[in-house]
């Protein structure tokens, strides 16, 4: 948890090197673009993103969360590939007769306070 806070702090203060990131096809990790968008356009979405990050810093400074963080990225191929799951067709969900597994949705609270095997989904826009 402390490492995540440290990485986010380095990004916030734009401390990561930027040279050759494009050549290596690496996304930008520093927040300079976030700050420049706020300065150039006074975008309320960008301002709220910065407020969220500041709030995160306030929370971890007052009480560092305990536990593990894991990341998993799953990418589905656009076209059929042998022995591989692909993107479903546009109408596949509405035509499916397969029932969903049991799940619970919590509109409030922290993922750290949930039971094991909890999943957090972020539907934030990418703007």
Protein backbone atom coordinates (compact mmCIF):
# COMPACT_ATOMS: atom_id res chain seq x y z
CA UNK A 1 0.00 0.00 0.00
CA UNK A 2 2.85 2.39 0.79
CA UNK A 3 4.44 1.65 -2.58
CA UNK A 4 1.23 2.62 -4.37
CA UNK A 5 1.16 5.89 -2.45
CA UNK A 6 4.80 6.52 -3.33
CA UNK A 7 4.24 5.80 -7.04
CA UNK A 8 1.21 8.06 -7.12
CA UNK A 9 3.18 10.81 -5.37
CA UNK A 10 5.97 10.56 -7.96
CA UNK A 11 3.39 10.80 -10.75
CA UNK A 12 1.69 13.75 -9.04
CA UNK A 13 4.96 15.67 -8.82
CA UNK A 14 5.99 14.57 -12.37
CA UNK A 15 9.19 12.86 -11.15
CA UNK A 16 9.31 9.98 -13.63
CA UNK A 17 11.62 10.35 -16.65
CA UNK A 18 9.81 11.07 -19.88
CA UNK A 19 12.51 10.52 -22.50
CA UNK A 20 12.04 7.60 -24.91
CA UNK A 21 8.61 6.64 -23.49
CA UNK A 22 7.03 7.04 -26.95
CA UNK A 23 9.72 4.96 -28.61
CA UNK A 24 9.06 2.14 -26.15
CA UNK A 25 5.25 2.52 -26.54
CA UNK A 26 4.85 3.33 -22.85
CA UNK A 27 2.01 5.57 -21.70
CA UNK A 28 2.84 8.78 -19.89
CA UNK A 29 2.86 8.26 -16.14
CA UNK A 30 3.39 11.82 -14.91
CA UNK A 31 0.39 14.04 -14.23
CA UNK A 32 1.67 17.05 -16.18
CA UNK A 33 -1.01 16.49 -18.84
CA UNK A 34 -3.68 16.49 -16.14
CA UNK A 35 -2.40 19.78 -14.76
CA UNK A 36 -1.99 21.39 -18.18
CA UNK A 37 -5.57 20.49 -19.16
CA UNK A 38 -6.78 22.12 -15.98
CA UNK A 39 -4.74 25.24 -16.65
CA UNK A 40 -5.54 25.54 -20.37
CA UNK A 41 -9.27 24.75 -20.36
CA UNK A 42 -10.36 25.04 -16.71
CA UNK A 43 -11.99 21.62 -17.17
CA UNK A 44 -14.16 20.66 -14.18
CA UNK A 45 -13.58 16.92 -14.82
CA UNK A 46 -9.82 17.41 -14.51
CA UNK A 47 -10.28 19.50 -11.39
CA UNK A 48 -12.35 16.71 -9.84
CA UNK A 49 -9.68 14.14 -10.72
CA UNK A 50 -7.08 16.22 -8.90
CA UNK A 51 -9.42 16.60 -5.91
CA UNK A 52 -9.85 12.81 -5.84
CA UNK A 53 -6.08 12.28 -5.82
CA UNK A 54 -5.62 14.87 -3.04
CA UNK A 55 -8.36 13.13 -1.05
CA UNK A 56 -6.53 9.83 -1.51
CA UNK A 57 -3.32 11.41 -0.16
CA UNK A 58 -5.25 12.78 2.83
CA UNK A 59 -6.68 9.32 3.57
CA UNK A 60 -3.40 7.41 3.36
CA UNK A 61 -1.58 10.06 5.40
CA UNK A 62 -4.12 9.78 8.21
CA UNK A 63 -4.33 5.96 8.09
CA UNK A 64 -2.34 3.72 5.74
CA UNK A 65 -4.59 0.87 4.55
CA UNK A 66 -3.37 -2.67 5.16
CA UNK A 67 -3.65 -5.54 2.73
CA UNK A 68 -2.67 -6.50 -0.76
CA UNK A 69 -3.36 -4.91 -4.10
CA UNK A 70 -3.44 -6.96 -7.26
CA UNK A 71 -3.81 -5.93 -10.86
CA UNK A 72 -5.10 -8.02 -13.67
CA UNK A 73 -5.58 -6.95 -17.25
CA UNK A 74 -7.64 -9.04 -19.59
CA UNK A 75 -7.79 -8.29 -23.27
CA UNK A 76 -10.20 -9.98 -25.62
CA UNK A 77 -9.17 -10.24 -29.28
CA UNK A 78 -11.47 -8.52 -31.76
CA UNK A 79 -11.47 -11.44 -34.19
CA UNK A 80 -11.90 -15.19 -33.71
CA UNK A 81 -8.73 -16.93 -32.62
CA UNK A 82 -8.56 -20.68 -31.98
CA UNK A 83 -9.00 -21.61 -28.29
CA UNK A 84 -9.59 -17.98 -27.31
CA UNK A 85 -12.60 -16.04 -26.08
CA UNK A 86 -13.39 -13.02 -28.25
CA UNK A 87 -15.53 -9.91 -27.90
CA UNK A 88 -19.21 -10.89 -27.92
CA UNK A 89 -21.42 -9.74 -30.78
CA UNK A 90 -23.56 -6.66 -30.11
CA UNK A 91 -26.75 -8.61 -29.43
CA UNK A 92 -25.24 -11.61 -27.62
CA UNK A 93 -26.19 -10.39 -24.11
CA UNK A 94 -29.84 -9.82 -25.02
CA UNK A 95 -30.10 -13.24 -26.70
CA UNK A 96 -28.26 -15.18 -24.00
CA UNK A 97 -30.24 -17.65 -21.86
CA UNK A 98 -27.31 -18.29 -19.50
CA UNK A 99 -28.08 -17.03 -16.00
CA UNK A 100 -25.61 -14.72 -14.26
CA UNK A 101 -23.94 -15.88 -11.06
CA UNK A 102 -25.08 -14.38 -7.74
CA UNK A 103 -23.53 -11.00 -6.98
CA UNK A 104 -24.10 -8.03 -4.70
CA UNK A 105 -23.76 -4.37 -5.56
CA UNK A 106 -22.73 -1.86 -2.89
CA UNK A 107 -23.19 1.78 -3.83
CA UNK A 108 -21.19 3.10 -0.91
CA UNK A 109 -18.32 2.07 1.32
CA UNK A 110 -14.72 1.15 0.66
CA UNK A 111 -13.45 -1.97 -1.04
CA UNK A 112 -11.07 -2.41 1.90
CA UNK A 113 -14.11 -2.91 4.16
CA UNK A 114 -15.69 -5.64 2.00
CA UNK A 115 -15.30 -9.37 2.42
CA UNK A 116 -12.70 -11.39 0.55
CA UNK A 117 -13.00 -11.80 -3.20
CA UNK A 118 -14.60 -8.38 -3.59
CA UNK A 119 -14.25 -6.70 -6.95
CA UNK A 120 -14.24 -2.97 -7.52
CA UNK A 121 -15.34 -1.61 -10.86
CA UNK A 122 -14.57 1.94 -11.89
CA UNK A 123 -16.77 3.38 -14.60
CA UNK A 124 -14.98 6.75 -14.64
CA UNK A 125 -14.74 8.41 -17.98
CA UNK A 126 -11.38 8.65 -19.67
CA UNK A 127 -11.60 12.38 -20.39
